[in-house]
PDB file of N, CA and C in Angstrom:
ATOM      1  N   MET A   1      -9.875  -5.593  18.453  1.00  0.00           N
ATOM      2  CA  MET A   1      -9.318  -5.794  19.777  1.00  0.00           C
ATOM      3  C   MET A   1     -10.138  -5.057  20.835  1.00  0.00           C
ATOM      4  N   VAL A   2     -10.489  -3.811  20.537  1.00  0.00           N
ATOM      5  CA  VAL A   2     -11.281  -3.036  21.494  1.00  0.00           C
ATOM      6  C   VAL A   2     -12.639  -3.695  21.695  1.00  0.00           C
ATOM      7  N   ALA A   3     -13.242  -4.168  20.620  1.00  0.00           N
ATOM      8  CA  ALA A   3     -14.535  -4.855  20.725  1.00  0.00           C
ATOM      9  C   ALA A   3     -14.434  -6.104  21.584  1.00  0.00           C
ATOM     10  N   ASP A   4     -13.243  -6.701  21.653  1.00  0.00           N
ATOM     11  CA  ASP A   4     -13.028  -7.887  22.481  1.00  0.00           C
ATOM     12  C   ASP A   4     -12.643  -7.539  23.911  1.00  0.00           C
ATOM     13  N   GLY A   5     -12.647  -6.248  24.242  1.00  0.00           N
ATOM     14  CA  GLY A   5     -12.393  -5.825  25.613  1.00  0.00           C
ATOM     15  C   GLY A   5     -10.977  -5.380  25.913  1.00  0.00           C
ATOM     16  N   ILE A   6     -10.098  -5.385  24.942  1.00  0.00           N
ATOM     17  CA  ILE A   6      -8.725  -4.940  25.177  1.00  0.00           C
ATOM     18  C   ILE A   6      -8.711  -3.420  25.177  1.00  0.00           C
ATOM     19  N   ARG A   7      -8.188  -2.827  26.231  1.00  0.00           N
ATOM     20  CA  ARG A   7      -8.173  -1.368  26.379  1.00  0.00           C
ATOM     21  C   ARG A   7      -6.768  -0.789  26.501  1.00  0.00           C
ATOM     22  N   ASP A   8      -5.764  -1.637  26.581  1.00  0.00           N
ATOM     23  CA  ASP A   8      -4.379  -1.180  26.723  1.00  0.00           C
ATOM     24  C   ASP A   8      -3.881  -0.608  25.392  1.00  0.00           C
ATOM     25  N   SER A   9      -3.603   0.684  25.364  1.00  0.00           N
ATOM     26  CA  SER A   9      -3.196   1.350  24.128  1.00  0.00           C
ATOM     27  C   SER A   9      -1.920   0.760  23.542  1.00  0.00           C
ATOM     28  N   ASP A  10      -0.954   0.425  24.375  1.00  0.00           N
ATOM     29  CA  ASP A  10       0.306  -0.134  23.868  1.00  0.00           C
ATOM     30  C   ASP A  10       0.073  -1.450  23.132  1.00  0.00           C
ATOM     31  N   LYS A  11      -0.788  -2.304  23.663  1.00  0.00           N
ATOM     32  CA  LYS A  11      -1.085  -3.578  23.003  1.00  0.00           C
ATOM     33  C   LYS A  11      -1.786  -3.352  21.668  1.00  0.00           C
ATOM     34  N   ILE A  12      -2.728  -2.427  21.645  1.00  0.00           N
ATOM     35  CA  ILE A  12      -3.452  -2.133  20.409  1.00  0.00           C
ATOM     36  C   ILE A  12      -2.513  -1.540  19.373  1.00  0.00           C
ATOM     37  N   LEU A  13      -1.692  -0.590  19.778  1.00  0.00           N
ATOM     38  CA  LEU A  13      -0.752   0.037  18.846  1.00  0.00           C
ATOM     39  C   LEU A  13       0.260  -0.974  18.311  1.00  0.00           C
ATOM     40  N   ALA A  14       0.697  -1.896  19.150  1.00  0.00           N
ATOM     41  CA  ALA A  14       1.634  -2.930  18.691  1.00  0.00           C
ATOM     42  C   ALA A  14       0.990  -3.804  17.621  1.00  0.00           C
ATOM     43  N   ALA A  15      -0.281  -4.146  17.813  1.00  0.00           N
ATOM     44  CA  ALA A  15      -0.988  -4.963  16.824  1.00  0.00           C
ATOM     45  C   ALA A  15      -1.192  -4.200  15.519  1.00  0.00           C
ATOM     46  N   VAL A  16      -1.534  -2.924  15.611  1.00  0.00           N
ATOM     47  CA  VAL A  16      -1.706  -2.105  14.397  1.00  0.00           C
ATOM     48  C   VAL A  16      -0.373  -1.985  13.669  1.00  0.00           C
ATOM     49  N   ARG A  17       0.689  -1.729  14.431  1.00  0.00           N
ATOM     50  CA  ARG A  17       2.031  -1.602  13.853  1.00  0.00           C
ATOM     51  C   ARG A  17       2.424  -2.895  13.129  1.00  0.00           C
ATOM     52  N   ALA A  18       2.172  -4.025  13.747  1.00  0.00           N
ATOM     53  CA  ALA A  18       2.508  -5.322  13.142  1.00  0.00           C
ATOM     54  C   ALA A  18       1.715  -5.549  11.863  1.00  0.00           C
ATOM     55  N   GLN A  19       0.445  -5.176  11.866  1.00  0.00           N
ATOM     56  CA  GLN A  19      -0.385  -5.335  10.668  1.00  0.00           C
ATOM     57  C   GLN A  19       0.129  -4.459   9.529  1.00  0.00           C
ATOM     58  N   ILE A  20       0.473  -3.219   9.836  1.00  0.00           N
ATOM     59  CA  ILE A  20       0.984  -2.308   8.806  1.00  0.00           C
ATOM     60  C   ILE A  20       2.292  -2.831   8.227  1.00  0.00           C
ATOM     61  N   LYS A  21       3.143  -3.379   9.073  1.00  0.00           N
ATOM     62  CA  LYS A  21       4.452  -3.866   8.618  1.00  0.00           C
ATOM     63  C   LYS A  21       4.362  -5.088   7.722  1.00  0.00           C
ATOM     64  N   THR A  22       3.176  -5.704   7.619  1.00  0.00           N
ATOM     65  CA  THR A  22       3.029  -6.827   6.696  1.00  0.00           C
ATOM     66  C   THR A  22       3.105  -6.360   5.244  1.00  0.00           C
ATOM     67  N   CYS A  23       2.914  -5.071   5.022  1.00  0.00           N
ATOM     68  CA  CYS A  23       3.068  -4.486   3.684  1.00  0.00           C
ATOM     69  C   CYS A  23       4.532  -4.069   3.543  1.00  0.00           C
ATOM     70  N   SER A  24       5.235  -4.662   2.598  1.00  0.00           N
ATOM     71  CA  SER A  24       6.683  -4.495   2.507  1.00  0.00           C
ATOM     72  C   SER A  24       7.139  -3.064   2.250  1.00  0.00           C
ATOM     73  N   ASP A  25       6.347  -2.260   1.578  1.00  0.00           N
ATOM     74  CA  ASP A  25       6.796  -0.895   1.282  1.00  0.00           C
ATOM     75  C   ASP A  25       6.093   0.142   2.160  1.00  0.00           C
ATOM     76  N   SER A  26       5.675  -0.256   3.368  1.00  0.00           N
ATOM     77  CA  SER A  26       5.021   0.671   4.289  1.00  0.00           C
ATOM     78  C   SER A  26       6.037   1.285   5.242  1.00  0.00           C
ATOM     79  N   ARG A  27       5.705   2.503   5.672  1.00  0.00           N
ATOM     80  CA  ARG A  27       6.520   3.212   6.664  1.00  0.00           C
ATOM     81  C   ARG A  27       5.576   4.059   7.503  1.00  0.00           C
ATOM     82  N   ILE A  28       5.592   3.857   8.804  1.00  0.00           N
ATOM     83  CA  ILE A  28       4.704   4.600   9.702  1.00  0.00           C
ATOM     84  C   ILE A  28       5.296   5.972   9.974  1.00  0.00           C
ATOM     85  N   ASP A  29       4.490   7.001   9.709  1.00  0.00           N
ATOM     86  CA  ASP A  29       4.871   8.372  10.044  1.00  0.00           C
ATOM     87  C   ASP A  29       4.502   8.635  11.503  1.00  0.00           C
ATOM     88  N   TYR A  30       3.245   8.394  11.853  1.00  0.00           N
ATOM     89  CA  TYR A  30       2.844   8.431  13.254  1.00  0.00           C
ATOM     90  C   TYR A  30       1.676   7.492  13.480  1.00  0.00           C
ATOM     91  N   LEU A  31       1.566   7.064  14.725  1.00  0.00           N
ATOM     92  CA  LEU A  31       0.535   6.121  15.140  1.00  0.00           C
ATOM     93  C   LEU A  31       0.336   6.322  16.633  1.00  0.00           C
ATOM     94  N   GLN A  32      -0.853   6.794  17.029  1.00  0.00           N
ATOM     95  CA  GLN A  32      -1.099   7.019  18.444  1.00  0.00           C
ATOM     96  C   GLN A  32      -2.589   6.944  18.772  1.00  0.00           C
ATOM     97  N   ILE A  33      -2.864   6.709  20.028  1.00  0.00           N
ATOM     98  CA  ILE A  33      -4.224   6.741  20.543  1.00  0.00           C
ATOM     99  C   ILE A  33      -4.304   7.937  21.478  1.00  0.00           C
ATOM    100  N   CYS A  34      -5.234   8.848  21.147  1.00  0.00           N
ATOM    101  CA  CYS A  34      -5.336  10.115  21.869  1.00  0.00           C
ATOM    102  C   CYS A  34      -6.762  10.389  22.316  1.00  0.00           C
ATOM    103  N   HIS A  35      -6.885  11.351  23.233  1.00  0.00           N
ATOM    104  CA  HIS A  35      -8.188  11.881  23.604  1.00  0.00           C
ATOM    105  C   HIS A  35      -8.682  12.705  22.421  1.00  0.00           C
ATOM    106  N   GLN A  36      -9.946  12.546  22.049  1.00  0.00           N
ATOM    107  CA  GLN A  36     -10.466  13.164  20.840  1.00  0.00           C
ATOM    108  C   GLN A  36     -10.433  14.694  20.853  1.00  0.00           C
ATOM    109  N   LEU A  37     -10.479  15.337  22.005  1.00  0.00           N
ATOM    110  CA  LEU A  37     -10.480  16.798  22.062  1.00  0.00           C
ATOM    111  C   LEU A  37      -9.112  17.384  22.387  1.00  0.00           C
ATOM    112  N   SER A  38      -8.439  16.835  23.385  1.00  0.00           N
ATOM    113  CA  SER A  38      -7.161  17.401  23.817  1.00  0.00           C
ATOM    114  C   SER A  38      -5.979  16.878  23.002  1.00  0.00           C
ATOM    115  N   LEU A  39      -6.162  15.738  22.341  1.00  0.00           N
ATOM    116  CA  LEU A  39      -5.109  15.032  21.605  1.00  0.00           C
ATOM    117  C   LEU A  39      -3.953  14.581  22.494  1.00  0.00           C
ATOM    118  N   GLN A  40      -4.220  14.484  23.793  1.00  0.00           N
ATOM    119  CA  GLN A  40      -3.235  13.927  24.722  1.00  0.00           C
ATOM    120  C   GLN A  40      -3.206  12.413  24.533  1.00  0.00           C
ATOM    121  N   ASN A  41      -1.997  11.835  24.546  1.00  0.00           N
ATOM    122  CA  ASN A  41      -1.878  10.376  24.450  1.00  0.00           C
ATOM    123  C   ASN A  41      -2.647   9.727  25.592  1.00  0.00           C
ATOM    124  N   GLN A  42      -3.260   8.581  25.297  1.00  0.00           N
ATOM    125  CA  GLN A  42      -3.997   7.834  26.310  1.00  0.00           C
ATOM    126  C   GLN A  42      -3.402   6.444  26.462  1.00  0.00           C
ATOM    127  N   SER A  43      -3.193   6.037  27.705  1.00  0.00           N
ATOM    128  CA  SER A  43      -2.653   4.700  27.954  1.00  0.00           C
ATOM    129  C   SER A  43      -3.746   3.644  27.928  1.00  0.00           C
ATOM    130  N   LYS A  44      -4.989   4.049  28.171  1.00  0.00           N
ATOM    131  CA  LYS A  44      -6.145   3.147  28.144  1.00  0.00           C
ATOM    132  C   LYS A  44      -7.210   3.739  27.224  1.00  0.00           C
ATOM    133  N   VAL A  45      -7.816   2.880  26.429  1.00  0.00           N
ATOM    134  CA  VAL A  45      -8.883   3.299  25.528  1.00  0.00           C
ATOM    135  C   VAL A  45     -10.158   3.511  26.324  1.00  0.00           C
ATOM    136  N   ASP A  46     -10.842   4.639  26.052  1.00  0.00           N
ATOM    137  CA  ASP A  46     -12.162   4.892  26.617  1.00  0.00           C
ATOM    138  C   ASP A  46     -13.044   5.515  25.534  1.00  0.00           C
ATOM    139  N   ALA A  47     -14.211   5.980  25.913  1.00  0.00           N
ATOM    140  CA  ALA A  47     -15.177   6.500  24.940  1.00  0.00           C
ATOM    141  C   ALA A  47     -14.679   7.733  24.202  1.00  0.00           C
ATOM    142  N   ASP A  48     -13.678   8.411  24.730  1.00  0.00           N
ATOM    143  CA  ASP A  48     -13.138   9.613  24.098  1.00  0.00           C
ATOM    144  C   ASP A  48     -11.877   9.342  23.283  1.00  0.00           C
ATOM    145  N   SER A  49     -11.522   8.092  23.103  1.00  0.00           N
ATOM    146  CA  SER A  49     -10.281   7.732  22.413  1.00  0.00           C
ATOM    147  C   SER A  49     -10.452   7.718  20.908  1.00  0.00           C
ATOM    148  N   VAL A  50      -9.402   8.141  20.237  1.00  0.00           N
ATOM    149  CA  VAL A  50      -9.355   8.089  18.786  1.00  0.00           C
ATOM    150  C   VAL A  50      -7.971   7.585  18.367  1.00  0.00           C
ATOM    151  N   LEU A  51      -7.956   6.712  17.380  1.00  0.00           N
ATOM    152  CA  LEU A  51      -6.704   6.210  16.805  1.00  0.00           C
ATOM    153  C   LEU A  51      -6.326   7.128  15.658  1.00  0.00           C
ATOM    154  N   LEU A  52      -5.135   7.694  15.724  1.00  0.00           N
ATOM    155  CA  LEU A  52      -4.636   8.585  14.684  1.00  0.00           C
ATOM    156  C   LEU A  52      -3.440   7.928  14.020  1.00  0.00           C
ATOM    157  N   LEU A  53      -3.388   7.991  12.690  1.00  0.00           N
ATOM    158  CA  LEU A  53      -2.228   7.419  12.022  1.00  0.00           C
ATOM    159  C   LEU A  53      -1.970   8.077  10.679  1.00  0.00           C
ATOM    160  N   ALA A  54      -0.717   8.067  10.327  1.00  0.00           N
ATOM    161  CA  ALA A  54      -0.270   8.452   8.989  1.00  0.00           C
ATOM    162  C   ALA A  54       0.761   7.410   8.587  1.00  0.00           C
ATOM    163  N   VAL A  55       0.563   6.831   7.415  1.00  0.00           N
ATOM    164  CA  VAL A  55       1.410   5.741   6.950  1.00  0.00           C
ATOM    165  C   VAL A  55       1.740   5.967   5.480  1.00  0.00           C
ATOM    166  N   PHE A  56       2.996   5.806   5.142  1.00  0.00           N
ATOM    167  CA  PHE A  56       3.395   5.818   3.738  1.00  0.00           C
ATOM    168  C   PHE A  56       3.306   4.405   3.195  1.00  0.00           C
ATOM    169  N   ILE A  57       2.672   4.261   2.058  1.00  0.00           N
ATOM    170  CA  ILE A  57       2.708   3.028   1.284  1.00  0.00           C
ATOM    171  C   ILE A  57       3.381   3.430  -0.018  1.00  0.00           C
ATOM    172  N   GLY A  58       4.626   3.022  -0.146  1.00  0.00           N
ATOM    173  CA  GLY A  58       5.415   3.539  -1.258  1.00  0.00           C
ATOM    174  C   GLY A  58       5.596   5.039  -1.064  1.00  0.00           C
ATOM    175  N   LYS A  59       5.233   5.830  -2.070  1.00  0.00           N
ATOM    176  CA  LYS A  59       5.358   7.285  -1.987  1.00  0.00           C
ATOM    177  C   LYS A  59       4.066   7.972  -1.546  1.00  0.00           C
ATOM    178  N   THR A  60       3.012   7.193  -1.347  1.00  0.00           N
ATOM    179  CA  THR A  60       1.706   7.749  -0.983  1.00  0.00           C
ATOM    180  C   THR A  60       1.549   7.783   0.526  1.00  0.00           C
ATOM    181  N   ARG A  61       1.183   8.962   1.053  1.00  0.00           N
ATOM    182  CA  ARG A  61       0.963   9.110   2.491  1.00  0.00           C
ATOM    183  C   ARG A  61      -0.537   9.020   2.764  1.00  0.00           C
ATOM    184  N   LEU A  62      -0.920   8.039   3.573  1.00  0.00           N
ATOM    185  CA  LEU A  62      -2.314   7.833   3.955  1.00  0.00           C
ATOM    186  C   LEU A  62      -2.508   8.341   5.378  1.00  0.00           C
ATOM    187  N   ILE A  63      -3.549   9.128   5.584  1.00  0.00           N
ATOM    188  CA  ILE A  63      -3.849   9.687   6.903  1.00  0.00           C
ATOM    189  C   ILE A  63      -5.271   9.273   7.261  1.00  0.00           C
ATOM    190  N   ASP A  64      -5.453   8.792   8.494  1.00  0.00           N
ATOM    191  CA  ASP A  64      -6.790   8.391   8.910  1.00  0.00           C
ATOM    192  C   ASP A  64      -6.910   8.533  10.421  1.00  0.00           C
ATOM    193  N   ASN A  65      -8.125   8.555  10.891  1.00  0.00           N
ATOM    194  CA  ASN A  65      -8.408   8.513  12.311  1.00  0.00           C
ATOM    195  C   ASN A  65      -9.693   7.722  12.496  1.00  0.00           C
ATOM    196  N   SER A  66      -9.810   7.111  13.655  1.00  0.00           N
ATOM    197  CA  SER A  66     -10.973   6.255  13.905  1.00  0.00           C
ATOM    198  C   SER A  66     -11.286   6.258  15.401  1.00  0.00           C
ATOM    199  N   PHE A  67     -12.567   6.489  15.710  1.00  0.00           N
ATOM    200  CA  PHE A  67     -12.999   6.355  17.098  1.00  0.00           C
ATOM    201  C   PHE A  67     -13.000   4.871  17.440  1.00  0.00           C
ATOM    202  N   LEU A  68     -12.580   4.533  18.634  1.00  0.00           N
ATOM    203  CA  LEU A  68     -12.395   3.150  19.010  1.00  0.00           C
ATOM    204  C   LEU A  68     -13.585   2.544  19.751  1.00  0.00           C
ATOM    205  N   LEU A  69     -14.445   3.384  20.292  1.00  0.00           N
ATOM    206  CA  LEU A  69     -15.666   2.923  20.962  1.00  0.00           C
ATOM    207  C   LEU A  69     -16.829   3.782  20.480  1.00  0.00           C
ATOM    208  N   ASP A  70     -18.001   3.168  20.419  1.00  0.00           N
ATOM    209  CA  ASP A  70     -19.199   3.926  20.026  1.00  0.00           C
ATOM    210  C   ASP A  70     -19.801   4.625  21.205  1.00  0.00           C
TER     211      ASP A  70
END
């Protein structure tokens, strides 16, 4: 989505949330787009944005983060 020019964090998070929910035994612990240094929530994606998430799949908790722009 970001590569296609979408920068609205709410739209991106909604799409990520919908994708995760396609797995029947998933449960989102947290999901947010933040500034990479301050960890303040961001309403628009920019070069300093990072996607942070923790998701349970069954009993396993998966934690990941990803920069959204190069």
